[in-house]
């Protein structure tokens, strides 16, 4: 049974600025550093767990491209604290979990349905997994309020994060 984690795979989260002060804010690229994905190829079951307290700020993004020089170490620490303490409340909600309910081959990839448990709530989600070079890749949009998560705001709401975040998971293709 293939098992994937941060040593051979990647889980990225992208958040997007919003509000009146959006021009002084940053779109962000974050990386989950502790996670486990198990795939049972016989039963076509996928089980994944993610540690939200392991989310680290990689960089700001400008016009859809990484901009590693924008954020200082202090900025990254402040963002990390906001994400883990105020937004995801990782002490109360220490795990994010996905369990597939259906995996079907579609072309050179798969259609996947399952249950995402996040912030104490469970919701059904659907995604597609596609081959990209020597990797399998999936991208999922998570609407934070669907899980009871209040997106980050500051300056009386003039600076905020859009309610949708993009999650991108990439694992190696077995040969």
N, C-alpha and C. Protein backbone atom coordinates (compact mmCIF):
# COMPACT_ATOMS: atom_id res chain seq x y z
N UNK A 1 0.86 -1.18 0.00
CA UNK A 1 0.00 0.00 0.00
C UNK A 1 0.91 1.25 0.00
N UNK A 2 0.83 2.04 -1.06
CA UNK A 2 1.65 3.26 -1.10
C UNK A 2 1.29 4.23 0.03
N UNK A 3 2.32 4.83 0.59
CA UNK A 3 2.15 5.82 1.65
C UNK A 3 2.98 7.04 1.27
N UNK A 4 2.36 8.19 1.40
CA UNK A 4 3.02 9.43 1.02
C UNK A 4 3.04 10.37 2.21
N UNK A 5 4.09 11.18 2.29
CA UNK A 5 4.20 12.19 3.35
C UNK A 5 5.09 13.31 2.83
N UNK A 6 5.48 14.20 3.72
CA UNK A 6 6.24 15.38 3.31
C UNK A 6 7.62 15.04 2.75
N UNK A 7 8.10 13.81 2.95
CA UNK A 7 9.41 13.43 2.44
C UNK A 7 9.37 13.14 0.94
N UNK A 8 8.22 12.70 0.43
CA UNK A 8 8.17 12.37 -0.99
C UNK A 8 7.03 13.09 -1.72
N UNK A 9 6.25 13.89 -0.98
CA UNK A 9 5.07 14.52 -1.55
C UNK A 9 4.97 15.97 -1.06
N UNK A 10 3.95 16.66 -1.55
CA UNK A 10 3.81 18.07 -1.21
C UNK A 10 2.34 18.41 -1.05
N UNK A 11 2.05 19.21 -0.02
CA UNK A 11 0.72 19.75 0.18
C UNK A 11 0.85 21.26 0.36
N UNK A 12 0.33 22.00 -0.61
CA UNK A 12 0.40 23.46 -0.58
C UNK A 12 -0.99 24.04 -0.41
N UNK A 13 -1.05 25.18 0.25
CA UNK A 13 -2.30 25.91 0.43
C UNK A 13 -2.05 27.33 -0.06
N UNK A 14 -2.98 27.83 -0.88
CA UNK A 14 -2.88 29.18 -1.41
C UNK A 14 -4.06 29.99 -0.90
N UNK A 15 -3.75 31.14 -0.28
CA UNK A 15 -4.81 32.04 0.17
C UNK A 15 -4.70 33.34 -0.62
N UNK A 16 -5.83 34.05 -0.69
CA UNK A 16 -5.89 35.22 -1.56
C UNK A 16 -6.46 36.41 -0.79
N UNK A 17 -5.82 37.55 -0.95
CA UNK A 17 -6.21 38.77 -0.24
C UNK A 17 -7.52 39.34 -0.78
N UNK A 18 -8.16 40.17 0.07
CA UNK A 18 -9.43 40.78 -0.29
C UNK A 18 -9.62 42.02 0.58
N UNK A 19 -10.61 42.81 0.27
CA UNK A 19 -10.94 43.96 1.09
C UNK A 19 -10.38 45.27 0.56
N UNK A 20 -10.76 46.34 1.22
CA UNK A 20 -10.33 47.68 0.80
C UNK A 20 -8.82 47.86 0.82
N UNK A 21 -8.14 47.20 1.73
CA UNK A 21 -6.69 47.33 1.85
C UNK A 21 -5.94 46.19 1.16
N UNK A 22 -6.59 45.50 0.25
CA UNK A 22 -5.97 44.35 -0.41
C UNK A 22 -4.65 44.71 -1.09
N UNK A 23 -4.53 45.93 -1.59
CA UNK A 23 -3.30 46.29 -2.30
C UNK A 23 -2.07 46.30 -1.39
N UNK A 24 -2.27 46.40 -0.07
CA UNK A 24 -1.12 46.37 0.85
C UNK A 24 -0.95 44.99 1.48
N UNK A 25 -1.81 44.05 1.11
CA UNK A 25 -1.75 42.69 1.65
C UNK A 25 -1.06 41.77 0.65
N UNK A 26 -1.03 40.48 0.98
CA UNK A 26 -0.35 39.51 0.14
C UNK A 26 -1.20 38.27 -0.08
N UNK A 27 -1.19 37.76 -1.31
CA UNK A 27 -1.62 36.39 -1.54
C UNK A 27 -0.50 35.54 -0.96
N UNK A 28 -0.84 34.37 -0.42
CA UNK A 28 0.17 33.57 0.26
C UNK A 28 0.25 32.15 -0.28
N UNK A 29 1.46 31.61 -0.22
CA UNK A 29 1.72 30.19 -0.48
C UNK A 29 2.18 29.59 0.84
N UNK A 30 1.42 28.60 1.32
CA UNK A 30 1.73 27.93 2.57
C UNK A 30 2.00 26.45 2.28
N UNK A 31 2.74 25.80 3.15
CA UNK A 31 3.05 24.39 2.95
C UNK A 31 2.75 23.62 4.23
N UNK A 32 2.03 22.49 4.09
CA UNK A 32 1.78 21.60 5.22
C UNK A 32 2.99 20.68 5.33
N UNK A 33 3.65 20.69 6.49
CA UNK A 33 4.89 19.93 6.64
C UNK A 33 4.72 18.56 7.28
N UNK A 34 3.56 18.30 7.89
CA UNK A 34 3.31 16.98 8.46
C UNK A 34 1.95 16.47 7.96
N UNK A 35 2.01 15.41 7.16
CA UNK A 35 0.79 14.78 6.66
C UNK A 35 1.11 13.36 6.25
N UNK A 36 0.06 12.57 6.08
CA UNK A 36 0.19 11.18 5.66
C UNK A 36 -0.97 10.86 4.73
N UNK A 37 -0.64 10.25 3.60
CA UNK A 37 -1.66 9.82 2.63
C UNK A 37 -1.40 8.35 2.35
N UNK A 38 -2.42 7.52 2.57
CA UNK A 38 -2.32 6.10 2.28
C UNK A 38 -3.31 5.75 1.18
N UNK A 39 -2.83 5.00 0.19
CA UNK A 39 -3.66 4.60 -0.94
C UNK A 39 -3.68 3.08 -0.99
N UNK A 40 -4.87 2.51 -0.87
CA UNK A 40 -5.04 1.07 -1.03
C UNK A 40 -5.50 0.84 -2.46
N UNK A 41 -4.57 0.41 -3.30
CA UNK A 41 -4.87 0.27 -4.72
C UNK A 41 -5.89 -0.83 -4.99
N UNK A 42 -5.94 -1.85 -4.13
CA UNK A 42 -6.89 -2.94 -4.31
C UNK A 42 -8.32 -2.48 -4.10
N UNK A 43 -8.56 -1.76 -3.00
CA UNK A 43 -9.92 -1.32 -2.68
C UNK A 43 -10.20 0.10 -3.18
N UNK A 44 -9.16 0.74 -3.73
CA UNK A 44 -9.28 2.12 -4.20
C UNK A 44 -9.72 3.06 -3.09
N UNK A 45 -9.13 2.89 -1.93
CA UNK A 45 -9.42 3.76 -0.78
C UNK A 45 -8.24 4.70 -0.56
N UNK A 46 -8.56 5.93 -0.25
CA UNK A 46 -7.54 6.91 0.10
C UNK A 46 -7.87 7.43 1.49
N UNK A 47 -6.86 7.41 2.36
CA UNK A 47 -7.01 7.97 3.71
C UNK A 47 -5.87 8.94 3.90
N UNK A 48 -6.20 10.15 4.34
CA UNK A 48 -5.17 11.16 4.52
C UNK A 48 -5.40 11.93 5.81
N UNK A 49 -4.32 12.26 6.49
CA UNK A 49 -4.39 13.14 7.66
C UNK A 49 -3.36 14.25 7.48
N UNK A 50 -3.73 15.43 7.95
CA UNK A 50 -2.88 16.61 7.83
C UNK A 50 -2.82 17.30 9.19
N UNK A 51 -1.65 17.73 9.59
CA UNK A 51 -1.46 18.43 10.86
C UNK A 51 -1.48 19.94 10.58
N UNK A 52 -2.59 20.62 10.91
CA UNK A 52 -2.67 22.05 10.59
C UNK A 52 -1.66 22.92 11.34
N UNK A 53 -1.14 22.42 12.47
CA UNK A 53 -0.14 23.22 13.19
C UNK A 53 1.22 23.19 12.47
N UNK A 54 1.35 22.32 11.45
CA UNK A 54 2.62 22.24 10.72
C UNK A 54 2.64 23.13 9.48
N UNK A 55 1.58 23.91 9.28
CA UNK A 55 1.53 24.80 8.12
C UNK A 55 2.59 25.89 8.28
N UNK A 56 3.40 26.05 7.27
CA UNK A 56 4.44 27.08 7.27
C UNK A 56 4.23 28.02 6.09
N UNK A 57 4.59 29.27 6.28
CA UNK A 57 4.49 30.26 5.22
C UNK A 57 5.71 30.09 4.32
N UNK A 58 5.47 29.80 3.04
CA UNK A 58 6.56 29.67 2.09
C UNK A 58 6.95 31.05 1.57
N UNK A 59 5.95 31.78 1.03
CA UNK A 59 6.24 33.10 0.47
C UNK A 59 4.94 33.81 0.12
N UNK A 60 5.08 35.07 -0.20
CA UNK A 60 3.98 35.83 -0.78
C UNK A 60 3.95 35.50 -2.27
N UNK A 61 2.80 35.76 -2.89
CA UNK A 61 2.66 35.57 -4.33
C UNK A 61 2.17 36.87 -4.94
N UNK A 62 2.75 37.22 -6.06
CA UNK A 62 2.37 38.44 -6.77
C UNK A 62 1.99 38.05 -8.19
N UNK A 63 0.78 38.40 -8.57
CA UNK A 63 0.27 38.08 -9.91
C UNK A 63 0.42 36.59 -10.23
N UNK A 64 0.16 35.73 -9.23
CA UNK A 64 0.20 34.28 -9.43
C UNK A 64 1.58 33.66 -9.42
N UNK A 65 2.62 34.44 -9.07
CA UNK A 65 3.99 33.93 -9.05
C UNK A 65 4.59 34.11 -7.67
N UNK A 66 5.45 33.17 -7.27
CA UNK A 66 6.13 33.26 -5.98
C UNK A 66 7.00 34.50 -5.93
N UNK A 67 6.98 35.18 -4.78
CA UNK A 67 7.83 36.34 -4.54
C UNK A 67 8.51 36.14 -3.19
N UNK A 68 9.62 35.38 -3.18
CA UNK A 68 10.25 35.02 -1.91
C UNK A 68 10.85 36.18 -1.13
N UNK A 69 11.03 37.34 -1.73
CA UNK A 69 11.70 38.44 -1.04
C UNK A 69 10.74 39.37 -0.29
N UNK A 70 9.44 39.19 -0.44
CA UNK A 70 8.47 40.14 0.12
C UNK A 70 8.33 40.05 1.63
N UNK A 71 8.29 38.84 2.18
CA UNK A 71 8.00 38.66 3.61
C UNK A 71 9.26 38.44 4.42
N UNK A 72 9.36 39.14 5.55
CA UNK A 72 10.46 38.93 6.47
C UNK A 72 10.16 37.72 7.35
N UNK A 73 11.15 37.26 8.12
CA UNK A 73 10.92 36.16 9.07
C UNK A 73 9.85 36.55 10.08
N UNK A 74 9.86 37.81 10.50
CA UNK A 74 8.85 38.30 11.43
C UNK A 74 7.45 38.28 10.83
N UNK A 75 7.34 38.67 9.55
CA UNK A 75 6.05 38.60 8.85
C UNK A 75 5.54 37.17 8.81
N UNK A 76 6.43 36.24 8.47
CA UNK A 76 6.04 34.83 8.37
C UNK A 76 5.58 34.29 9.72
N UNK A 77 6.27 34.67 10.78
CA UNK A 77 5.89 34.22 12.12
C UNK A 77 4.52 34.76 12.51
N UNK A 78 4.28 36.03 12.22
CA UNK A 78 2.99 36.64 12.53
C UNK A 78 1.86 35.95 11.75
N UNK A 79 2.09 35.67 10.48
CA UNK A 79 1.09 34.99 9.65
C UNK A 79 0.84 33.59 10.19
N UNK A 80 1.93 32.87 10.53
CA UNK A 80 1.80 31.52 11.10
C UNK A 80 0.93 31.56 12.36
N UNK A 81 1.21 32.50 13.25
CA UNK A 81 0.44 32.63 14.48
C UNK A 81 -1.03 32.91 14.18
N UNK A 82 -1.30 33.80 13.23
CA UNK A 82 -2.69 34.09 12.85
C UNK A 82 -3.39 32.85 12.31
N UNK A 83 -2.71 32.11 11.44
CA UNK A 83 -3.31 30.92 10.83
C UNK A 83 -3.58 29.85 11.88
N UNK A 84 -2.58 29.53 12.69
CA UNK A 84 -2.73 28.41 13.62
C UNK A 84 -3.56 28.74 14.85
N UNK A 85 -3.41 29.95 15.38
CA UNK A 85 -4.12 30.30 16.62
C UNK A 85 -5.50 30.88 16.37
N UNK A 86 -5.62 31.80 15.43
CA UNK A 86 -6.87 32.55 15.24
C UNK A 86 -7.80 31.94 14.19
N UNK A 87 -7.25 31.44 13.10
CA UNK A 87 -8.09 30.95 12.00
C UNK A 87 -8.40 29.46 12.19
N UNK A 88 -7.37 28.61 12.25
CA UNK A 88 -7.59 27.17 12.32
C UNK A 88 -7.71 26.63 13.75
N UNK A 89 -7.32 27.44 14.73
CA UNK A 89 -7.43 27.03 16.16
C UNK A 89 -6.93 25.60 16.34
N UNK A 90 -5.65 25.41 16.02
CA UNK A 90 -5.09 24.06 15.93
C UNK A 90 -5.02 23.34 17.28
N UNK A 91 -5.03 24.04 18.37
CA UNK A 91 -5.06 23.34 19.67
C UNK A 91 -6.39 22.61 19.85
N UNK A 92 -7.47 23.23 19.42
CA UNK A 92 -8.79 22.62 19.52
C UNK A 92 -9.06 21.64 18.38
N UNK A 93 -8.48 21.91 17.21
CA UNK A 93 -8.70 21.09 16.01
C UNK A 93 -7.34 20.65 15.45
N UNK A 94 -6.70 19.64 16.09
CA UNK A 94 -5.33 19.28 15.73
C UNK A 94 -5.16 18.41 14.48
N UNK A 95 -6.26 18.04 13.83
CA UNK A 95 -6.13 17.17 12.67
C UNK A 95 -7.16 17.51 11.59
N UNK A 96 -6.71 17.41 10.35
CA UNK A 96 -7.59 17.49 9.19
C UNK A 96 -7.54 16.10 8.57
N UNK A 97 -8.69 15.58 8.20
CA UNK A 97 -8.75 14.19 7.71
C UNK A 97 -9.59 14.11 6.43
N UNK A 98 -9.12 13.27 5.51
CA UNK A 98 -9.87 12.97 4.29
C UNK A 98 -9.98 11.46 4.16
N UNK A 99 -11.19 10.98 3.90
CA UNK A 99 -11.44 9.56 3.62
C UNK A 99 -12.24 9.47 2.33
N UNK A 100 -11.71 8.75 1.36
CA UNK A 100 -12.43 8.62 0.10
C UNK A 100 -13.63 7.70 0.27
N UNK A 101 -14.66 7.98 -0.52
CA UNK A 101 -15.83 7.10 -0.57
C UNK A 101 -15.97 6.47 -1.96
N UNK A 102 -15.31 7.08 -2.96
CA UNK A 102 -15.40 6.56 -4.33
C UNK A 102 -14.20 7.07 -5.12
N UNK A 103 -13.53 6.16 -5.81
CA UNK A 103 -12.41 6.52 -6.69
C UNK A 103 -12.66 5.80 -8.01
N UNK A 104 -12.77 6.58 -9.09
CA UNK A 104 -13.10 6.03 -10.41
C UNK A 104 -12.07 6.53 -11.42
N UNK A 105 -11.57 5.59 -12.25
CA UNK A 105 -10.64 6.01 -13.32
C UNK A 105 -11.35 6.91 -14.30
N UNK A 106 -10.68 7.99 -14.69
CA UNK A 106 -11.20 8.94 -15.68
C UNK A 106 -10.03 9.32 -16.60
N UNK A 107 -10.03 8.78 -17.80
CA UNK A 107 -8.94 9.08 -18.73
C UNK A 107 -7.62 8.62 -18.15
N UNK A 108 -6.65 9.54 -18.07
CA UNK A 108 -5.35 9.18 -17.49
C UNK A 108 -5.27 9.59 -16.01
N UNK A 109 -6.43 9.78 -15.38
CA UNK A 109 -6.46 10.15 -13.96
C UNK A 109 -7.61 9.49 -13.24
N UNK A 110 -8.09 10.16 -12.21
CA UNK A 110 -9.14 9.60 -11.37
C UNK A 110 -10.11 10.70 -10.92
N UNK A 111 -11.36 10.32 -10.75
CA UNK A 111 -12.35 11.17 -10.08
C UNK A 111 -12.45 10.62 -8.65
N UNK A 112 -12.33 11.51 -7.68
CA UNK A 112 -12.32 11.09 -6.28
C UNK A 112 -13.41 11.82 -5.52
N UNK A 113 -14.18 11.07 -4.77
CA UNK A 113 -15.18 11.63 -3.86
C UNK A 113 -14.83 11.17 -2.46
N UNK A 114 -15.14 12.00 -1.48
CA UNK A 114 -14.85 11.60 -0.12
C UNK A 114 -15.36 12.60 0.89
N UNK A 115 -14.98 12.38 2.13
CA UNK A 115 -15.38 13.23 3.23
C UNK A 115 -14.15 13.93 3.80
N UNK A 116 -14.24 15.25 3.90
CA UNK A 116 -13.18 16.05 4.51
C UNK A 116 -13.66 16.48 5.88
N UNK A 117 -12.87 16.14 6.91
CA UNK A 117 -13.14 16.56 8.27
C UNK A 117 -12.16 17.68 8.60
N UNK A 118 -12.72 18.85 8.88
CA UNK A 118 -11.91 20.04 9.10
C UNK A 118 -12.61 20.92 10.11
N UNK A 119 -11.90 21.33 11.14
CA UNK A 119 -12.42 22.29 12.11
C UNK A 119 -13.70 21.76 12.78
N UNK A 120 -13.72 20.44 13.01
CA UNK A 120 -14.85 19.83 13.69
C UNK A 120 -16.08 19.58 12.84
N UNK A 121 -15.97 19.81 11.54
CA UNK A 121 -17.10 19.60 10.63
C UNK A 121 -16.68 18.62 9.53
N UNK A 122 -17.65 17.87 9.03
CA UNK A 122 -17.41 16.93 7.92
C UNK A 122 -18.26 17.35 6.74
N UNK A 123 -17.64 17.37 5.57
CA UNK A 123 -18.34 17.71 4.34
C UNK A 123 -17.86 16.80 3.22
N UNK A 124 -18.78 16.50 2.30
CA UNK A 124 -18.40 15.74 1.11
C UNK A 124 -17.68 16.66 0.14
N UNK A 125 -16.64 16.13 -0.48
CA UNK A 125 -15.93 16.89 -1.51
C UNK A 125 -15.66 15.98 -2.69
N UNK A 126 -15.44 16.60 -3.83
CA UNK A 126 -15.09 15.89 -5.06
C UNK A 126 -13.89 16.57 -5.67
N UNK A 127 -13.03 15.79 -6.27
CA UNK A 127 -11.87 16.35 -6.95
C UNK A 127 -11.45 15.40 -8.06
N UNK A 128 -10.57 15.86 -8.89
CA UNK A 128 -9.98 14.99 -9.90
C UNK A 128 -8.48 14.93 -9.64
N UNK A 129 -7.91 13.79 -9.95
CA UNK A 129 -6.48 13.59 -9.83
C UNK A 129 -5.96 13.37 -11.24
N UNK A 130 -4.94 14.12 -11.60
CA UNK A 130 -4.40 14.01 -12.95
C UNK A 130 -2.90 13.78 -12.91
N UNK A 131 -2.42 13.13 -13.97
CA UNK A 131 -0.99 12.92 -14.11
C UNK A 131 -0.36 14.21 -14.60
N UNK A 132 0.73 14.58 -13.97
CA UNK A 132 1.51 15.74 -14.41
C UNK A 132 2.98 15.36 -14.29
N UNK A 133 3.58 14.99 -15.43
CA UNK A 133 4.95 14.50 -15.41
C UNK A 133 5.03 13.21 -14.61
N UNK A 134 5.93 13.16 -13.64
CA UNK A 134 6.10 11.95 -12.83
C UNK A 134 5.32 12.03 -11.51
N UNK A 135 4.29 12.89 -11.47
CA UNK A 135 3.50 13.11 -10.26
C UNK A 135 2.01 12.93 -10.53
N UNK A 136 1.28 12.62 -9.47
CA UNK A 136 -0.18 12.73 -9.46
C UNK A 136 -0.49 14.04 -8.77
N UNK A 137 -1.43 14.80 -9.31
CA UNK A 137 -1.74 16.13 -8.78
C UNK A 137 -3.24 16.31 -8.63
N UNK A 138 -3.65 16.87 -7.51
CA UNK A 138 -5.03 17.26 -7.32
C UNK A 138 -5.07 18.66 -6.74
N UNK A 139 -6.09 19.41 -7.11
CA UNK A 139 -6.31 20.75 -6.58
C UNK A 139 -7.76 20.84 -6.14
N UNK A 140 -7.95 21.32 -4.92
CA UNK A 140 -9.28 21.40 -4.33
C UNK A 140 -9.48 22.80 -3.78
N UNK A 141 -10.64 23.38 -4.04
CA UNK A 141 -10.99 24.66 -3.44
C UNK A 141 -11.80 24.38 -2.19
N UNK A 142 -11.37 24.97 -1.08
CA UNK A 142 -12.06 24.82 0.20
C UNK A 142 -12.69 26.17 0.54
N UNK A 143 -13.99 26.16 0.73
CA UNK A 143 -14.71 27.36 1.16
C UNK A 143 -14.74 27.33 2.69
N UNK A 144 -13.89 28.12 3.31
CA UNK A 144 -13.69 28.05 4.76
C UNK A 144 -14.98 28.13 5.57
N UNK A 145 -15.91 29.04 5.26
CA UNK A 145 -17.15 29.10 6.05
C UNK A 145 -17.97 27.82 6.04
N UNK A 146 -17.83 26.97 5.01
CA UNK A 146 -18.53 25.69 4.99
C UNK A 146 -18.13 24.81 6.17
N UNK A 147 -16.96 25.07 6.72
CA UNK A 147 -16.44 24.29 7.85
C UNK A 147 -16.48 25.08 9.16
N UNK A 148 -17.13 26.22 9.13
CA UNK A 148 -17.20 27.03 10.34
C UNK A 148 -15.97 27.87 10.59
N UNK A 149 -15.11 27.98 9.60
CA UNK A 149 -13.88 28.77 9.73
C UNK A 149 -14.16 30.19 9.28
N UNK A 150 -13.80 31.14 10.13
CA UNK A 150 -13.93 32.55 9.78
C UNK A 150 -12.60 32.98 9.16
N UNK A 151 -12.60 33.33 7.87
CA UNK A 151 -11.35 33.77 7.24
C UNK A 151 -10.74 34.96 7.98
N UNK A 152 -9.42 35.05 7.93
CA UNK A 152 -8.68 36.10 8.61
C UNK A 152 -9.16 37.49 8.17
N UNK A 153 -9.31 38.38 9.16
CA UNK A 153 -9.59 39.79 8.87
C UNK A 153 -8.76 40.66 9.82
N UNK A 154 -8.49 41.86 9.38
CA UNK A 154 -7.78 42.85 10.20
C UNK A 154 -8.29 44.23 9.79
N UNK A 155 -7.91 45.21 10.54
CA UNK A 155 -8.27 46.60 10.25
C UNK A 155 -9.79 46.75 10.04
N UNK A 156 -10.54 46.18 10.98
CA UNK A 156 -12.01 46.25 10.95
C UNK A 156 -12.60 45.72 9.65
N UNK A 157 -11.95 44.69 9.09
CA UNK A 157 -12.46 44.06 7.88
C UNK A 157 -11.97 44.67 6.58
N UNK A 158 -11.20 45.76 6.66
CA UNK A 158 -10.69 46.39 5.44
C UNK A 158 -9.59 45.53 4.81
N UNK A 159 -8.98 44.67 5.61
CA UNK A 159 -7.97 43.73 5.13
C UNK A 159 -8.45 42.34 5.50
N UNK A 160 -8.58 41.47 4.50
CA UNK A 160 -9.07 40.13 4.80
C UNK A 160 -8.60 39.13 3.77
N UNK A 161 -8.83 37.86 4.11
CA UNK A 161 -8.51 36.76 3.21
C UNK A 161 -9.83 36.29 2.60
N UNK A 162 -9.82 36.03 1.31
CA UNK A 162 -11.03 35.51 0.65
C UNK A 162 -11.44 34.20 1.30
N UNK A 163 -12.72 33.89 1.31
CA UNK A 163 -13.18 32.67 1.97
C UNK A 163 -12.73 31.38 1.29
N UNK A 164 -12.37 31.43 0.01
CA UNK A 164 -11.91 30.23 -0.70
C UNK A 164 -10.39 30.16 -0.68
N UNK A 165 -9.86 29.01 -0.25
CA UNK A 165 -8.44 28.72 -0.36
C UNK A 165 -8.27 27.55 -1.31
N UNK A 166 -7.13 27.51 -1.97
CA UNK A 166 -6.83 26.44 -2.92
C UNK A 166 -5.81 25.50 -2.26
N UNK A 167 -6.10 24.21 -2.27
CA UNK A 167 -5.18 23.20 -1.73
C UNK A 167 -4.69 22.36 -2.90
N UNK A 168 -3.36 22.20 -2.99
CA UNK A 168 -2.75 21.42 -4.06
C UNK A 168 -1.90 20.31 -3.44
N UNK A 169 -2.23 19.06 -3.79
CA UNK A 169 -1.48 17.91 -3.29
C UNK A 169 -0.84 17.21 -4.46
N UNK A 170 0.44 16.89 -4.32
CA UNK A 170 1.22 16.24 -5.36
C UNK A 170 1.97 15.05 -4.75
N UNK A 171 1.79 13.87 -5.37
CA UNK A 171 2.48 12.66 -4.90
C UNK A 171 3.16 12.01 -6.10
N UNK A 172 4.22 11.21 -5.85
CA UNK A 172 4.88 10.57 -6.99
C UNK A 172 4.04 9.48 -7.63
N UNK A 173 4.17 9.36 -8.93
CA UNK A 173 3.53 8.26 -9.66
C UNK A 173 4.43 7.04 -9.50
N UNK A 174 3.80 5.91 -9.24
CA UNK A 174 4.57 4.66 -9.16
C UNK A 174 4.83 4.18 -10.57
N UNK A 175 6.01 3.63 -10.78
CA UNK A 175 6.33 3.15 -12.13
C UNK A 175 5.97 1.70 -12.32
